[in-house]
Amino acid sequence: MPIDDTPARIAELEADNRRLRRLLDQRDAPGELRHRMRSTMAMLRTIIRKSAGTQRDLDAYVGHLEDRLDALMRAQAVADEQGTIDLHKLMSDELLHYQARDGEHTTIEGPLLQLQPRAGQVLALAVHELAVNAVEHGALGNGGTIDIRWRVDGDGAAPTLTLVWKETDTTPLSEPSHHGFGTEVLTRTLEYELRAKTDLSFEADGLRCTIRIPLSERIDREFGPKSAVK
């Protein structure tokens, strides 16, 4: 009989939360660290609450929640190490988690773009939802491919990032009858957090997701013409 370790896991999470709160309350903790940790904790609460609202099965809820938290932590680890999150690395790391390698199952191309930690976490969650959908219902589950490209339009004070995720599937695609957490992240969370506009197009040969994000100091730190293709 399998051992239910849920109470122990909950106790561990509660202990971690208490330690985080103590750290945040330390007066000598750097202001940037406190801000980043509070931001991460707020994102965690959002993921937990919204995941619970879209899952009826407890096991499915736990599994999807853990995957989403892992995606968030991967982005946070990059931010902790480098201060910002490289968009190409964000994409390739998340897809590699599902054995989708750049140059084999996917093509990733766009100019160098360094995201601020909060923006990187939000976008990482969106990419995670796209990748999971591709595995469960789309190109990565049917031997297809994914083409990911982005560009920065406009100069001066109001540049816009346009990111296109295009799947080429081996089976016909139809629009789903149910829209869950992933759709909410792409259409609502991105808009609320980053003022993004997302268009989901269920084309005959695969999903096309176009995300447009107005860039600002709180979203990106720097961008340039250097290609992100490796």
C-alpha atoms as a PDB file:
ATOM      1  CA  MET A   1       0.000   0.000   0.000  1.00  0.00           C
ATOM      2  CA  PRO A   2       1.464   3.417  -0.954  1.00  0.00           C
ATOM      3  CA  ILE A   3       2.283   5.749   1.905  1.00  0.00           C
ATOM      4  CA  ASP A   4       0.429   9.060   1.932  1.00  0.00           C
ATOM      5  CA  ASP A   5       3.100  11.670   2.593  1.00  0.00           C
ATOM      6  CA  THR A   6       0.755  14.629   2.094  1.00  0.00           C
ATOM      7  CA  PRO A   7       0.719  15.719   5.790  1.00  0.00           C
ATOM      8  CA  ALA A   8       4.512  15.659   5.907  1.00  0.00           C
ATOM      9  CA  ARG A   9       4.766  17.678   2.681  1.00  0.00           C
ATOM     10  CA  ILE A  10       2.272  20.240   3.972  1.00  0.00           C
ATOM     11  CA  ALA A  11       4.215  20.546   7.232  1.00  0.00           C
ATOM     12  CA  GLU A  12       7.430  21.058   5.270  1.00  0.00           C
ATOM     13  CA  LEU A  13       5.837  23.783   3.131  1.00  0.00           C
ATOM     14  CA  GLU A  14       4.529  25.526   6.245  1.00  0.00           C
ATOM     15  CA  ALA A  15       7.982  25.388   7.829  1.00  0.00           C
ATOM     16  CA  ASP A  16       9.538  26.835   4.671  1.00  0.00           C
ATOM     17  CA  ASN A  17       6.951  29.602   4.688  1.00  0.00           C
ATOM     18  CA  ARG A  18       7.771  30.493   8.305  1.00  0.00           C
ATOM     19  CA  ARG A  19      11.489  30.618   7.491  1.00  0.00           C
ATOM     20  CA  LEU A  20      10.813  32.880   4.521  1.00  0.00           C
ATOM     21  CA  ARG A  21       8.748  35.230   6.643  1.00  0.00           C
ATOM     22  CA  ARG A  22      11.490  35.441   9.265  1.00  0.00           C
ATOM     23  CA  LEU A  23      14.024  36.230   6.556  1.00  0.00           C
ATOM     24  CA  LEU A  24      11.789  38.915   5.085  1.00  0.00           C
ATOM     25  CA  ASP A  25      11.408  40.503   8.512  1.00  0.00           C
ATOM     26  CA  GLN A  26      15.154  40.792   9.058  1.00  0.00           C
ATOM     27  CA  ARG A  27      16.108  44.442   8.939  1.00  0.00           C
ATOM     28  CA  ASP A  28      19.503  43.718   7.452  1.00  0.00           C
ATOM     29  CA  ALA A  29      18.064  41.733   4.529  1.00  0.00           C
ATOM     30  CA  PRO A  30      18.743  43.609   1.262  1.00  0.00           C
ATOM     31  CA  GLY A  31      15.735  45.548   0.011  1.00  0.00           C
ATOM     32  CA  GLU A  32      15.947  43.989  -3.445  1.00  0.00           C
ATOM     33  CA  LEU A  33      15.973  40.490  -1.926  1.00  0.00           C
ATOM     34  CA  ARG A  34      12.923  41.231   0.214  1.00  0.00           C
ATOM     35  CA  HIS A  35      11.084  42.631  -2.782  1.00  0.00           C
ATOM     36  CA  ARG A  36      11.972  39.640  -4.960  1.00  0.00           C
ATOM     37  CA  MET A  37      10.934  37.117  -2.337  1.00  0.00           C
ATOM     38  CA  ARG A  38       7.625  38.848  -1.672  1.00  0.00           C
ATOM     39  CA  SER A  39       6.984  38.894  -5.404  1.00  0.00           C
ATOM     40  CA  THR A  40       7.736  35.177  -5.655  1.00  0.00           C
ATOM     41  CA  MET A  41       5.495  34.353  -2.705  1.00  0.00           C
ATOM     42  CA  ALA A  42       2.652  36.339  -4.259  1.00  0.00           C
ATOM     43  CA  MET A  43       3.088  34.397  -7.479  1.00  0.00           C
ATOM     44  CA  LEU A  44       3.050  31.118  -5.536  1.00  0.00           C
ATOM     45  CA  ARG A  45      -0.233  32.036  -3.871  1.00  0.00           C
ATOM     46  CA  THR A  46      -1.738  32.880  -7.251  1.00  0.00           C
ATOM     47  CA  ILE A  47      -0.640  29.576  -8.780  1.00  0.00           C
ATOM     48  CA  ILE A  48      -1.981  27.545  -5.855  1.00  0.00           C
ATOM     49  CA  ARG A  49      -5.338  29.322  -5.804  1.00  0.00           C
ATOM     50  CA  LYS A  50      -5.951  29.242  -9.545  1.00  0.00           C
ATOM     51  CA  SER A  51      -4.727  25.673  -9.948  1.00  0.00           C
ATOM     52  CA  ALA A  52      -7.225  24.553  -7.311  1.00  0.00           C
ATOM     53  CA  GLY A  53     -10.025  26.308  -9.157  1.00  0.00           C
ATOM     54  CA  THR A  54      -9.453  24.408 -12.407  1.00  0.00           C
ATOM     55  CA  GLN A  55      -8.804  20.857 -11.141  1.00  0.00           C
ATOM     56  CA  ARG A  56     -11.433  18.444  -9.838  1.00  0.00           C
ATOM     57  CA  ASP A  57      -9.120  15.500  -9.186  1.00  0.00           C
ATOM     58  CA  LEU A  58      -6.724  15.800  -6.223  1.00  0.00           C
ATOM     59  CA  ASP A  59      -3.901  13.807  -7.828  1.00  0.00           C
ATOM     60  CA  ALA A  60      -4.137  15.864 -11.019  1.00  0.00           C
ATOM     61  CA  TYR A  61      -4.163  19.049  -8.966  1.00  0.00           C
ATOM     62  CA  VAL A  62      -1.020  18.062  -7.064  1.00  0.00           C
ATOM     63  CA  GLY A  63       0.790  16.973 -10.233  1.00  0.00           C
ATOM     64  CA  HIS A  64      -0.003  20.125 -12.202  1.00  0.00           C
ATOM     65  CA  LEU A  65       0.734  22.326  -9.197  1.00  0.00           C
ATOM     66  CA  GLU A  66       4.171  20.773  -8.691  1.00  0.00           C
ATOM     67  CA  ASP A  67       5.009  21.207 -12.387  1.00  0.00           C
ATOM     68  CA  ARG A  68       3.977  24.870 -12.279  1.00  0.00           C
ATOM     69  CA  LEU A  69       5.995  25.527  -9.160  1.00  0.00           C
ATOM     70  CA  ASP A  70       9.001  23.809 -10.754  1.00  0.00           C
ATOM     71  CA  ALA A  71       8.718  26.119 -13.781  1.00  0.00           C
ATOM     72  CA  LEU A  72       8.569  29.128 -11.485  1.00  0.00           C
ATOM     73  CA  MET A  73      11.588  27.945  -9.509  1.00  0.00           C
ATOM     74  CA  ARG A  74      13.644  27.339 -12.662  1.00  0.00           C
ATOM     75  CA  ALA A  75      13.085  30.950 -13.650  1.00  0.00           C
ATOM     76  CA  GLN A  76      13.830  32.131 -10.115  1.00  0.00           C
ATOM     77  CA  ALA A  77      17.098  30.187 -10.047  1.00  0.00           C
ATOM     78  CA  VAL A  78      18.266  31.983 -13.195  1.00  0.00           C
ATOM     79  CA  ALA A  79      17.255  35.342 -11.744  1.00  0.00           C
ATOM     80  CA  ASP A  80      19.076  34.616  -8.477  1.00  0.00           C
ATOM     81  CA  GLU A  81      22.246  33.721 -10.368  1.00  0.00           C
ATOM     82  CA  GLN A  82      22.256  36.401 -13.058  1.00  0.00           C
ATOM     83  CA  GLY A  83      19.910  39.138 -11.847  1.00  0.00           C
ATOM     84  CA  THR A  84      17.827  38.922 -15.021  1.00  0.00           C
ATOM     85  CA  ILE A  85      16.314  36.134 -17.123  1.00  0.00           C
ATOM     86  CA  ASP A  86      17.430  35.619 -20.712  1.00  0.00           C
ATOM     87  CA  LEU A  87      14.390  34.963 -22.898  1.00  0.00           C
ATOM     88  CA  HIS A  88      16.138  32.357 -25.048  1.00  0.00           C
ATOM     89  CA  LYS A  89      17.335  30.460 -21.968  1.00  0.00           C
ATOM     90  CA  LEU A  90      13.869  30.629 -20.454  1.00  0.00           C
ATOM     91  CA  MET A  91      12.390  29.051 -23.591  1.00  0.00           C
ATOM     92  CA  SER A  92      15.050  26.396 -24.086  1.00  0.00           C
ATOM     93  CA  ASP A  93      15.161  25.370 -20.406  1.00  0.00           C
ATOM     94  CA  GLU A  94      11.409  24.869 -20.192  1.00  0.00           C
ATOM     95  CA  LEU A  95      11.214  22.895 -23.432  1.00  0.00           C
ATOM     96  CA  LEU A  96      14.263  20.824 -22.522  1.00  0.00           C
ATOM     97  CA  HIS A  97      12.394  19.792 -19.387  1.00  0.00           C
ATOM     98  CA  TYR A  98      10.039  17.961 -21.768  1.00  0.00           C
ATOM     99  CA  GLN A  99      12.896  16.562 -23.901  1.00  0.00           C
ATOM    100  CA  ALA A 100      12.238  19.093 -26.663  1.00  0.00           C
ATOM    101  CA  ARG A 101      15.679  20.277 -27.773  1.00  0.00           C
ATOM    102  CA  ASP A 102      16.382  23.431 -29.730  1.00  0.00           C
ATOM    103  CA  GLY A 103      17.312  22.447 -33.278  1.00  0.00           C
ATOM    104  CA  GLU A 104      15.597  19.054 -33.055  1.00  0.00           C
ATOM    105  CA  HIS A 105      11.983  19.350 -31.972  1.00  0.00           C
ATOM    106  CA  THR A 106      11.957  23.122 -31.751  1.00  0.00           C
ATOM    107  CA  THR A 107      13.371  26.249 -33.349  1.00  0.00           C
ATOM    108  CA  ILE A 108      13.992  29.212 -31.045  1.00  0.00           C
ATOM    109  CA  GLU A 109      15.029  32.505 -32.595  1.00  0.00           C
ATOM    110  CA  GLY A 110      14.975  36.143 -31.614  1.00  0.00           C
ATOM    111  CA  PRO A 111      17.102  39.085 -30.468  1.00  0.00           C
ATOM    112  CA  LEU A 112      18.817  39.159 -27.104  1.00  0.00           C
ATOM    113  CA  LEU A 113      16.329  40.109 -24.406  1.00  0.00           C
ATOM    114  CA  GLN A 114      16.981  40.176 -20.660  1.00  0.00           C
ATOM    115  CA  LEU A 115      13.809  40.144 -18.556  1.00  0.00           C
ATOM    116  CA  GLN A 116      13.370  41.502 -15.071  1.00  0.00           C
ATOM    117  CA  PRO A 117      12.771  38.662 -12.554  1.00  0.00           C
ATOM    118  CA  ARG A 118       9.026  39.223 -12.075  1.00  0.00           C
ATOM    119  CA  ALA A 119       8.361  39.462 -15.808  1.00  0.00           C
ATOM    120  CA  GLY A 120      10.529  36.405 -16.413  1.00  0.00           C
ATOM    121  CA  GLN A 121       8.590  34.358 -13.868  1.00  0.00           C
ATOM    122  CA  VAL A 122       5.237  35.296 -15.364  1.00  0.00           C
ATOM    123  CA  LEU A 123       6.410  34.510 -18.878  1.00  0.00           C
ATOM    124  CA  ALA A 124       8.004  31.253 -17.689  1.00  0.00           C
ATOM    125  CA  LEU A 125       4.631  30.157 -16.354  1.00  0.00           C
ATOM    126  CA  ALA A 126       3.005  30.983 -19.696  1.00  0.00           C
ATOM    127  CA  VAL A 127       5.664  29.038 -21.617  1.00  0.00           C
ATOM    128  CA  HIS A 128       5.200  26.127 -19.223  1.00  0.00           C
ATOM    129  CA  GLU A 129       1.473  26.027 -19.958  1.00  0.00           C
ATOM    130  CA  LEU A 130       2.137  26.090 -23.707  1.00  0.00           C
ATOM    131  CA  ALA A 131       4.701  23.297 -23.386  1.00  0.00           C
ATOM    132  CA  VAL A 132       2.403  21.104 -21.286  1.00  0.00           C
ATOM    133  CA  ASN A 133      -0.420  21.618 -23.751  1.00  0.00           C
ATOM    134  CA  ALA A 134       1.926  20.692 -26.610  1.00  0.00           C
ATOM    135  CA  VAL A 135       2.854  17.467 -24.804  1.00  0.00           C
ATOM    136  CA  GLU A 136      -0.687  16.493 -23.846  1.00  0.00           C
ATOM    137  CA  HIS A 137      -2.650  17.711 -26.860  1.00  0.00           C
ATOM    138  CA  GLY A 138      -0.332  19.169 -29.476  1.00  0.00           C
ATOM    139  CA  ALA A 139       2.886  18.919 -31.426  1.00  0.00           C
ATOM    140  CA  LEU A 140       5.175  17.419 -28.777  1.00  0.00           C
ATOM    141  CA  GLY A 141       2.791  14.545 -28.190  1.00  0.00           C
ATOM    142  CA  ASN A 142       2.273  13.745 -31.851  1.00  0.00           C
ATOM    143  CA  GLY A 143       5.741  13.939 -33.367  1.00  0.00           C
ATOM    144  CA  GLY A 144       5.355  17.521 -34.539  1.00  0.00           C
ATOM    145  CA  THR A 145       7.557  20.582 -34.148  1.00  0.00           C
ATOM    146  CA  ILE A 146       7.404  24.003 -32.518  1.00  0.00           C
ATOM    147  CA  ASP A 147       8.730  27.220 -34.034  1.00  0.00           C
ATOM    148  CA  ILE A 148       9.267  30.054 -31.533  1.00  0.00           C
ATOM    149  CA  ARG A 149      10.276  33.479 -32.765  1.00  0.00           C
ATOM    150  CA  TRP A 150      10.190  36.956 -31.313  1.00  0.00           C
ATOM    151  CA  ARG A 151      11.049  40.469 -32.353  1.00  0.00           C
ATOM    152  CA  VAL A 152      11.067  43.928 -30.802  1.00  0.00           C
ATOM    153  CA  ASP A 153       9.098  46.519 -32.756  1.00  0.00           C
ATOM    154  CA  GLY A 154       9.326  50.257 -32.313  1.00  0.00           C
ATOM    155  CA  ASP A 155      12.106  52.502 -31.142  1.00  0.00           C
ATOM    156  CA  GLY A 156      12.353  55.014 -28.376  1.00  0.00           C
ATOM    157  CA  ALA A 157      10.048  55.015 -25.378  1.00  0.00           C
ATOM    158  CA  ALA A 158       7.479  52.407 -26.444  1.00  0.00           C
ATOM    159  CA  PRO A 159       9.031  49.235 -27.930  1.00  0.00           C
ATOM    160  CA  THR A 160       6.856  46.116 -28.073  1.00  0.00           C
ATOM    161  CA  LEU A 161       7.907  42.485 -27.829  1.00  0.00           C
ATOM    162  CA  THR A 162       6.011  40.225 -30.234  1.00  0.00           C
ATOM    163  CA  LEU A 163       6.464  36.515 -29.521  1.00  0.00           C
ATOM    164  CA  VAL A 164       4.978  33.817 -31.757  1.00  0.00           C
ATOM    165  CA  TRP A 165       4.696  30.168 -30.681  1.00  0.00           C
ATOM    166  CA  LYS A 166       3.683  28.072 -33.708  1.00  0.00           C
ATOM    167  CA  GLU A 167       3.122  24.339 -33.530  1.00  0.00           C
ATOM    168  CA  THR A 168       3.108  22.130 -36.603  1.00  0.00           C
ATOM    169  CA  ASP A 169       1.186  19.017 -35.681  1.00  0.00           C
ATOM    170  CA  THR A 170       0.820  15.686 -37.437  1.00  0.00           C
ATOM    171  CA  THR A 171      -2.876  15.437 -36.601  1.00  0.00           C
ATOM    172  CA  PRO A 172      -5.710  17.917 -37.253  1.00  0.00           C
ATOM    173  CA  LEU A 173      -6.352  20.395 -34.451  1.00  0.00           C
ATOM    174  CA  SER A 174      -9.702  21.612 -33.176  1.00  0.00           C
ATOM    175  CA  GLU A 175     -10.439  24.281 -30.585  1.00  0.00           C
ATOM    176  CA  PRO A 176     -10.885  22.774 -27.117  1.00  0.00           C
ATOM    177  CA  SER A 177     -14.323  22.852 -25.517  1.00  0.00           C
ATOM    178  CA  HIS A 178     -12.869  23.596 -22.077  1.00  0.00           C
ATOM    179  CA  HIS A 179     -10.516  26.413 -21.144  1.00  0.00           C
ATOM    180  CA  GLY A 180      -8.506  25.844 -17.970  1.00  0.00           C
ATOM    181  CA  PHE A 181      -5.634  27.345 -16.023  1.00  0.00           C
ATOM    182  CA  GLY A 182      -3.310  27.554 -19.025  1.00  0.00           C
ATOM    183  CA  THR A 183      -5.731  29.681 -21.015  1.00  0.00           C
ATOM    184  CA  GLU A 184      -6.235  31.932 -18.003  1.00  0.00           C
ATOM    185  CA  VAL A 185      -2.480  32.432 -17.651  1.00  0.00           C
ATOM    186  CA  LEU A 186      -2.100  33.280 -21.327  1.00  0.00           C
ATOM    187  CA  THR A 187      -5.099  35.579 -21.652  1.00  0.00           C
ATOM    188  CA  ARG A 188      -5.562  37.080 -18.186  1.00  0.00           C
ATOM    189  CA  THR A 189      -2.422  36.748 -16.083  1.00  0.00           C
ATOM    190  CA  LEU A 190      -0.130  38.040 -18.835  1.00  0.00           C
ATOM    191  CA  GLU A 191      -2.452  40.983 -19.390  1.00  0.00           C
ATOM    192  CA  TYR A 192      -2.689  41.803 -15.684  1.00  0.00           C
ATOM    193  CA  GLU A 193       1.009  41.399 -14.908  1.00  0.00           C
ATOM    194  CA  LEU A 194       2.658  42.579 -18.142  1.00  0.00           C
ATOM    195  CA  ARG A 195      -0.136  44.419 -19.999  1.00  0.00           C
ATOM    196  CA  ALA A 196       0.220  41.797 -22.704  1.00  0.00           C
ATOM    197  CA  LYS A 197      -2.242  40.931 -25.436  1.00  0.00           C
ATOM    198  CA  THR A 198      -2.487  37.261 -26.408  1.00  0.00           C
ATOM    199  CA  ASP A 199      -4.090  35.742 -29.478  1.00  0.00           C
ATOM    200  CA  LEU A 200      -4.714  31.978 -29.540  1.00  0.00           C
ATOM    201  CA  SER A 201      -5.397  30.623 -33.015  1.00  0.00           C
ATOM    202  CA  PHE A 202      -6.286  26.944 -33.395  1.00  0.00           C
ATOM    203  CA  GLU A 203      -5.138  26.442 -36.977  1.00  0.00           C
ATOM    204  CA  ALA A 204      -5.602  23.227 -38.935  1.00  0.00           C
ATOM    205  CA  ASP A 205      -1.932  22.239 -38.635  1.00  0.00           C
ATOM    206  CA  GLY A 206      -1.399  23.331 -35.043  1.00  0.00           C
ATOM    207  CA  LEU A 207      -1.719  26.004 -32.389  1.00  0.00           C
ATOM    208  CA  ARG A 208      -0.461  29.527 -33.011  1.00  0.00           C
ATOM    209  CA  CYS A 209      -0.041  31.721 -29.948  1.00  0.00           C
ATOM    210  CA  THR A 210       0.954  35.353 -30.448  1.00  0.00           C
ATOM    211  CA  ILE A 211       1.899  37.401 -27.386  1.00  0.00           C
ATOM    212  CA  ARG A 212       2.533  41.150 -27.558  1.00  0.00           C
ATOM    213  CA  ILE A 213       4.134  42.787 -24.534  1.00  0.00           C
ATOM    214  CA  PRO A 214       4.898  46.515 -24.229  1.00  0.00           C
ATOM    215  CA  LEU A 215       8.441  46.723 -22.921  1.00  0.00           C
ATOM    216  CA  SER A 216       9.287  48.970 -20.006  1.00  0.00           C
ATOM    217  CA  GLU A 217      11.922  49.229 -17.286  1.00  0.00           C
ATOM    218  CA  ARG A 218       9.953  46.880 -15.032  1.00  0.00           C
ATOM    219  CA  ILE A 219       9.762  44.219 -17.752  1.00  0.00           C
ATOM    220  CA  ASP A 220      13.107  44.227 -19.555  1.00  0.00           C
ATOM    221  CA  ARG A 221      16.556  45.415 -18.608  1.00  0.00           C
ATOM    222  CA  GLU A 222      18.188  45.389 -22.005  1.00  0.00           C
ATOM    223  CA  PHE A 223      17.682  44.155 -25.515  1.00  0.00           C
ATOM    224  CA  GLY A 224      19.748  44.233 -28.653  1.00  0.00           C
ATOM    225  CA  PRO A 225      20.229  42.935 -32.184  1.00  0.00           C
ATOM    226  CA  LYS A 226      22.286  39.910 -31.192  1.00  0.00           C
ATOM    227  CA  SER A 227      20.578  36.690 -32.256  1.00  0.00           C
ATOM    228  CA  ALA A 228      19.581  34.320 -29.481  1.00  0.00           C
ATOM    229  CA  VAL A 229      19.911  31.282 -31.711  1.00  0.00           C
ATOM    230  CA  LYS A 230      22.583  28.833 -30.611  1.00  0.00           C
END
